[in-house]
Amino acid sequence: MACAKVTVLEAELTHMMVAGHADIRLVSLIQRFLPTAVINFFGKHAAFYFMQTMKKQLAGFQGSQYEERVRDKQDFYAELQRRVNFYTRF
């Protein structure tokens, strides 16, 4: 199980936080057959392609009803964003 928080900072800059839970039995099974370097290599590249896909998906939401609501209630969403940033900082 996993969740993600995506923030588009600029046209070419996206910040993404992903939290997940892996079954330790599956992880230990994979580590038994694959060296750590191979696991890290695939993890790094999978994350890159995942980010590219997410960026394309997010670009498709421009002009959405959500954007209109954020524009109409900027004070509310600014406070909401401030609180989310406070509790998700690391």
N, C-alpha and C. Protein backbone atom coordinates (compact mmCIF):
# COMPACT_ATOMS: atom_id res chain seq x y z
N MET A 1 0.84 -1.15 0.00
CA MET A 1 0.00 0.00 0.00
C MET A 1 0.90 1.23 0.00
N ALA A 2 0.50 2.27 -0.74
CA ALA A 2 1.31 3.48 -0.82
C ALA A 2 0.42 4.68 -1.10
N CYS A 3 0.96 5.87 -0.81
CA CYS A 3 0.28 7.11 -1.15
C CYS A 3 1.33 8.11 -1.61
N ALA A 4 0.86 9.13 -2.31
CA ALA A 4 1.80 10.12 -2.85
C ALA A 4 1.21 11.52 -2.72
N LYS A 5 2.10 12.48 -2.45
CA LYS A 5 1.74 13.90 -2.46
C LYS A 5 2.62 14.56 -3.52
N VAL A 6 1.99 15.15 -4.52
CA VAL A 6 2.72 15.75 -5.63
C VAL A 6 2.48 17.25 -5.64
N THR A 7 3.56 18.03 -5.77
CA THR A 7 3.47 19.47 -5.86
C THR A 7 4.28 19.93 -7.07
N VAL A 8 3.63 20.59 -7.99
CA VAL A 8 4.33 21.16 -9.14
C VAL A 8 4.84 22.52 -8.71
N LEU A 9 6.15 22.66 -8.59
CA LEU A 9 6.75 23.91 -8.14
C LEU A 9 6.94 24.90 -9.27
N GLU A 10 7.40 24.41 -10.40
CA GLU A 10 7.61 25.23 -11.60
C GLU A 10 7.32 24.35 -12.80
N ALA A 11 7.47 24.91 -13.99
CA ALA A 11 7.19 24.14 -15.20
C ALA A 11 8.05 22.88 -15.29
N GLU A 12 9.27 22.95 -14.86
CA GLU A 12 10.19 21.82 -14.95
C GLU A 12 10.60 21.26 -13.59
N LEU A 13 9.88 21.62 -12.53
CA LEU A 13 10.27 21.20 -11.19
C LEU A 13 9.06 20.70 -10.43
N THR A 14 9.11 19.44 -10.00
CA THR A 14 8.02 18.81 -9.26
C THR A 14 8.58 18.22 -7.99
N HIS A 15 7.86 18.42 -6.89
CA HIS A 15 8.24 17.81 -5.61
C HIS A 15 7.24 16.71 -5.31
N MET A 16 7.73 15.52 -4.98
CA MET A 16 6.84 14.40 -4.71
C MET A 16 7.31 13.65 -3.49
N MET A 17 6.36 13.36 -2.61
CA MET A 17 6.64 12.54 -1.43
C MET A 17 5.80 11.28 -1.55
N VAL A 18 6.44 10.12 -1.39
CA VAL A 18 5.74 8.85 -1.46
C VAL A 18 5.99 8.10 -0.17
N ALA A 19 4.93 7.57 0.40
CA ALA A 19 5.04 6.74 1.59
C ALA A 19 4.38 5.41 1.29
N GLY A 20 5.01 4.36 1.72
CA GLY A 20 4.46 3.05 1.42
C GLY A 20 4.83 2.02 2.47
N HIS A 21 4.22 0.88 2.34
CA HIS A 21 4.48 -0.24 3.24
C HIS A 21 4.75 -1.47 2.40
N ALA A 22 5.88 -2.10 2.64
CA ALA A 22 6.25 -3.31 1.89
C ALA A 22 6.20 -4.51 2.83
N ASP A 23 5.77 -5.63 2.30
CA ASP A 23 5.75 -6.86 3.06
C ASP A 23 7.19 -7.33 3.24
N ILE A 24 7.65 -7.43 4.48
CA ILE A 24 9.05 -7.77 4.76
C ILE A 24 9.42 -9.14 4.21
N ARG A 25 8.47 -10.04 4.13
CA ARG A 25 8.77 -11.37 3.58
C ARG A 25 9.11 -11.28 2.11
N LEU A 26 8.40 -10.43 1.36
CA LEU A 26 8.68 -10.24 -0.06
C LEU A 26 10.03 -9.56 -0.26
N VAL A 27 10.31 -8.56 0.56
CA VAL A 27 11.59 -7.84 0.45
C VAL A 27 12.76 -8.79 0.71
N SER A 28 12.67 -9.61 1.74
CA SER A 28 13.77 -10.53 2.05
C SER A 28 13.92 -11.58 0.95
N LEU A 29 12.82 -11.98 0.33
CA LEU A 29 12.89 -12.94 -0.77
C LEU A 29 13.61 -12.34 -1.97
N ILE A 30 13.28 -11.09 -2.30
CA ILE A 30 13.94 -10.41 -3.41
C ILE A 30 15.42 -10.22 -3.13
N GLN A 31 15.77 -9.81 -1.90
CA GLN A 31 17.17 -9.60 -1.55
C GLN A 31 17.97 -10.88 -1.59
N ARG A 32 17.32 -12.00 -1.39
CA ARG A 32 18.03 -13.27 -1.42
C ARG A 32 18.51 -13.60 -2.83
N PHE A 33 17.77 -13.17 -3.86
CA PHE A 33 18.09 -13.53 -5.23
C PHE A 33 18.76 -12.41 -6.04
N LEU A 34 18.62 -11.17 -5.61
CA LEU A 34 19.19 -10.05 -6.36
C LEU A 34 20.13 -9.24 -5.48
N PRO A 35 21.29 -8.86 -6.01
CA PRO A 35 22.20 -8.01 -5.25
C PRO A 35 21.57 -6.63 -5.00
N THR A 36 21.98 -5.99 -3.94
CA THR A 36 21.44 -4.68 -3.56
C THR A 36 21.65 -3.65 -4.67
N ALA A 37 22.78 -3.71 -5.37
CA ALA A 37 23.06 -2.75 -6.45
C ALA A 37 22.01 -2.87 -7.56
N VAL A 38 21.60 -4.07 -7.87
CA VAL A 38 20.59 -4.28 -8.92
C VAL A 38 19.23 -3.75 -8.45
N ILE A 39 18.88 -4.03 -7.21
CA ILE A 39 17.62 -3.54 -6.66
C ILE A 39 17.59 -2.01 -6.67
N ASN A 40 18.69 -1.38 -6.25
CA ASN A 40 18.77 0.08 -6.24
C ASN A 40 18.69 0.66 -7.65
N PHE A 41 19.34 0.02 -8.61
CA PHE A 41 19.31 0.47 -10.00
C PHE A 41 17.88 0.50 -10.52
N PHE A 42 17.16 -0.61 -10.34
CA PHE A 42 15.78 -0.67 -10.83
C PHE A 42 14.88 0.28 -10.06
N GLY A 43 15.10 0.41 -8.77
CA GLY A 43 14.30 1.34 -7.98
C GLY A 43 14.48 2.77 -8.43
N LYS A 44 15.71 3.16 -8.71
CA LYS A 44 16.01 4.52 -9.17
C LYS A 44 15.35 4.80 -10.52
N HIS A 45 15.48 3.86 -11.44
CA HIS A 45 14.92 4.08 -12.77
C HIS A 45 13.40 3.99 -12.76
N ALA A 46 12.84 3.12 -11.95
CA ALA A 46 11.38 3.03 -11.84
C ALA A 46 10.83 4.33 -11.27
N ALA A 47 11.52 4.90 -10.28
CA ALA A 47 11.07 6.16 -9.70
C ALA A 47 11.11 7.28 -10.75
N PHE A 48 12.15 7.30 -11.58
CA PHE A 48 12.26 8.33 -12.61
C PHE A 48 11.10 8.24 -13.60
N TYR A 49 10.81 7.05 -14.09
CA TYR A 49 9.72 6.89 -15.05
C TYR A 49 8.36 7.14 -14.41
N PHE A 50 8.23 6.79 -13.14
CA PHE A 50 7.00 7.08 -12.40
C PHE A 50 6.79 8.59 -12.31
N MET A 51 7.87 9.32 -12.01
CA MET A 51 7.78 10.78 -11.90
C MET A 51 7.42 11.41 -13.25
N GLN A 52 8.01 10.91 -14.34
CA GLN A 52 7.69 11.44 -15.66
C GLN A 52 6.22 11.21 -16.00
N THR A 53 5.71 10.04 -15.66
CA THR A 53 4.31 9.73 -15.91
C THR A 53 3.39 10.61 -15.08
N MET A 54 3.73 10.80 -13.81
CA MET A 54 2.93 11.66 -12.94
C MET A 54 2.91 13.10 -13.46
N LYS A 55 4.05 13.57 -13.93
CA LYS A 55 4.14 14.94 -14.44
C LYS A 55 3.23 15.13 -15.65
N LYS A 56 3.21 14.13 -16.54
CA LYS A 56 2.33 14.22 -17.71
C LYS A 56 0.86 14.20 -17.28
N GLN A 57 0.54 13.36 -16.30
CA GLN A 57 -0.84 13.29 -15.82
C GLN A 57 -1.27 14.61 -15.19
N LEU A 58 -0.39 15.20 -14.38
CA LEU A 58 -0.72 16.45 -13.70
C LEU A 58 -0.90 17.59 -14.68
N ALA A 59 -0.16 17.58 -15.76
CA ALA A 59 -0.28 18.65 -16.75
C ALA A 59 -1.65 18.63 -17.41
N GLY A 60 -2.32 17.49 -17.41
CA GLY A 60 -3.63 17.37 -18.03
C GLY A 60 -4.75 17.99 -17.21
N PHE A 61 -4.48 18.45 -16.00
CA PHE A 61 -5.51 19.00 -15.14
C PHE A 61 -5.60 20.52 -15.20
N GLN A 62 -4.87 21.16 -16.09
CA GLN A 62 -4.90 22.61 -16.16
C GLN A 62 -6.28 23.09 -16.59
N GLY A 63 -6.77 24.12 -15.91
CA GLY A 63 -8.09 24.65 -16.21
C GLY A 63 -9.22 23.84 -15.61
N SER A 64 -8.90 22.99 -14.66
CA SER A 64 -9.91 22.13 -14.06
C SER A 64 -10.78 22.90 -13.07
N GLN A 65 -11.83 22.25 -12.62
CA GLN A 65 -12.72 22.85 -11.63
C GLN A 65 -11.95 23.10 -10.33
N TYR A 66 -11.00 22.23 -10.00
CA TYR A 66 -10.18 22.41 -8.80
C TYR A 66 -9.38 23.72 -8.89
N GLU A 67 -8.76 23.97 -10.02
CA GLU A 67 -7.99 25.21 -10.19
C GLU A 67 -8.88 26.44 -10.03
N GLU A 68 -10.09 26.37 -10.55
CA GLU A 68 -11.01 27.50 -10.40
C GLU A 68 -11.35 27.73 -8.93
N ARG A 69 -11.57 26.66 -8.18
CA ARG A 69 -11.89 26.79 -6.76
C ARG A 69 -10.71 27.38 -5.98
N VAL A 70 -9.51 26.94 -6.32
CA VAL A 70 -8.32 27.47 -5.65
C VAL A 70 -8.18 28.96 -5.94
N ARG A 71 -8.43 29.36 -7.17
CA ARG A 71 -8.36 30.78 -7.53
C ARG A 71 -9.41 31.60 -6.78
N ASP A 72 -10.60 31.03 -6.62
CA ASP A 72 -11.69 31.75 -5.95
C ASP A 72 -11.47 31.88 -4.44
N LYS A 73 -10.83 30.88 -3.83
CA LYS A 73 -10.64 30.88 -2.37
C LYS A 73 -9.15 30.77 -2.03
N GLN A 74 -8.38 31.73 -2.49
CA GLN A 74 -6.93 31.68 -2.32
C GLN A 74 -6.52 31.69 -0.86
N ASP A 75 -7.19 32.44 -0.01
CA ASP A 75 -6.83 32.49 1.42
C ASP A 75 -6.99 31.13 2.07
N PHE A 76 -8.11 30.47 1.81
CA PHE A 76 -8.36 29.16 2.40
C PHE A 76 -7.31 28.14 1.97
N TYR A 77 -7.06 28.06 0.67
CA TYR A 77 -6.11 27.06 0.17
C TYR A 77 -4.67 27.39 0.55
N ALA A 78 -4.35 28.66 0.72
CA ALA A 78 -3.01 29.02 1.19
C ALA A 78 -2.80 28.53 2.62
N GLU A 79 -3.82 28.70 3.46
CA GLU A 79 -3.73 28.21 4.85
C GLU A 79 -3.67 26.68 4.88
N LEU A 80 -4.46 26.04 4.05
CA LEU A 80 -4.43 24.59 3.97
C LEU A 80 -3.05 24.10 3.53
N GLN A 81 -2.48 24.76 2.54
CA GLN A 81 -1.14 24.39 2.06
C GLN A 81 -0.09 24.62 3.14
N ARG A 82 -0.22 25.72 3.88
CA ARG A 82 0.72 25.99 4.96
C ARG A 82 0.69 24.87 6.01
N ARG A 83 -0.50 24.42 6.36
CA ARG A 83 -0.62 23.35 7.35
C ARG A 83 -0.09 22.02 6.83
N VAL A 84 -0.37 21.71 5.59
CA VAL A 84 0.15 20.48 5.00
C VAL A 84 1.67 20.52 4.98
N ASN A 85 2.24 21.64 4.57
CA ASN A 85 3.69 21.77 4.53
C ASN A 85 4.29 21.63 5.93
N PHE A 86 3.62 22.19 6.94
CA PHE A 86 4.12 22.11 8.30
C PHE A 86 4.18 20.66 8.77
N TYR A 87 3.14 19.90 8.51
CA TYR A 87 3.07 18.53 9.01
C TYR A 87 3.77 17.50 8.14
N THR A 88 4.16 17.88 6.93
CA THR A 88 4.85 16.94 6.05
C THR A 88 6.31 17.29 5.83
N ARG A 89 6.80 18.29 6.56
CA ARG A 89 8.21 18.66 6.38
C ARG A 89 9.09 17.54 6.95
N PHE A 90 10.31 17.48 6.44
CA PHE A 90 11.24 16.45 6.91
C PHE A 90 12.61 17.00 7.05
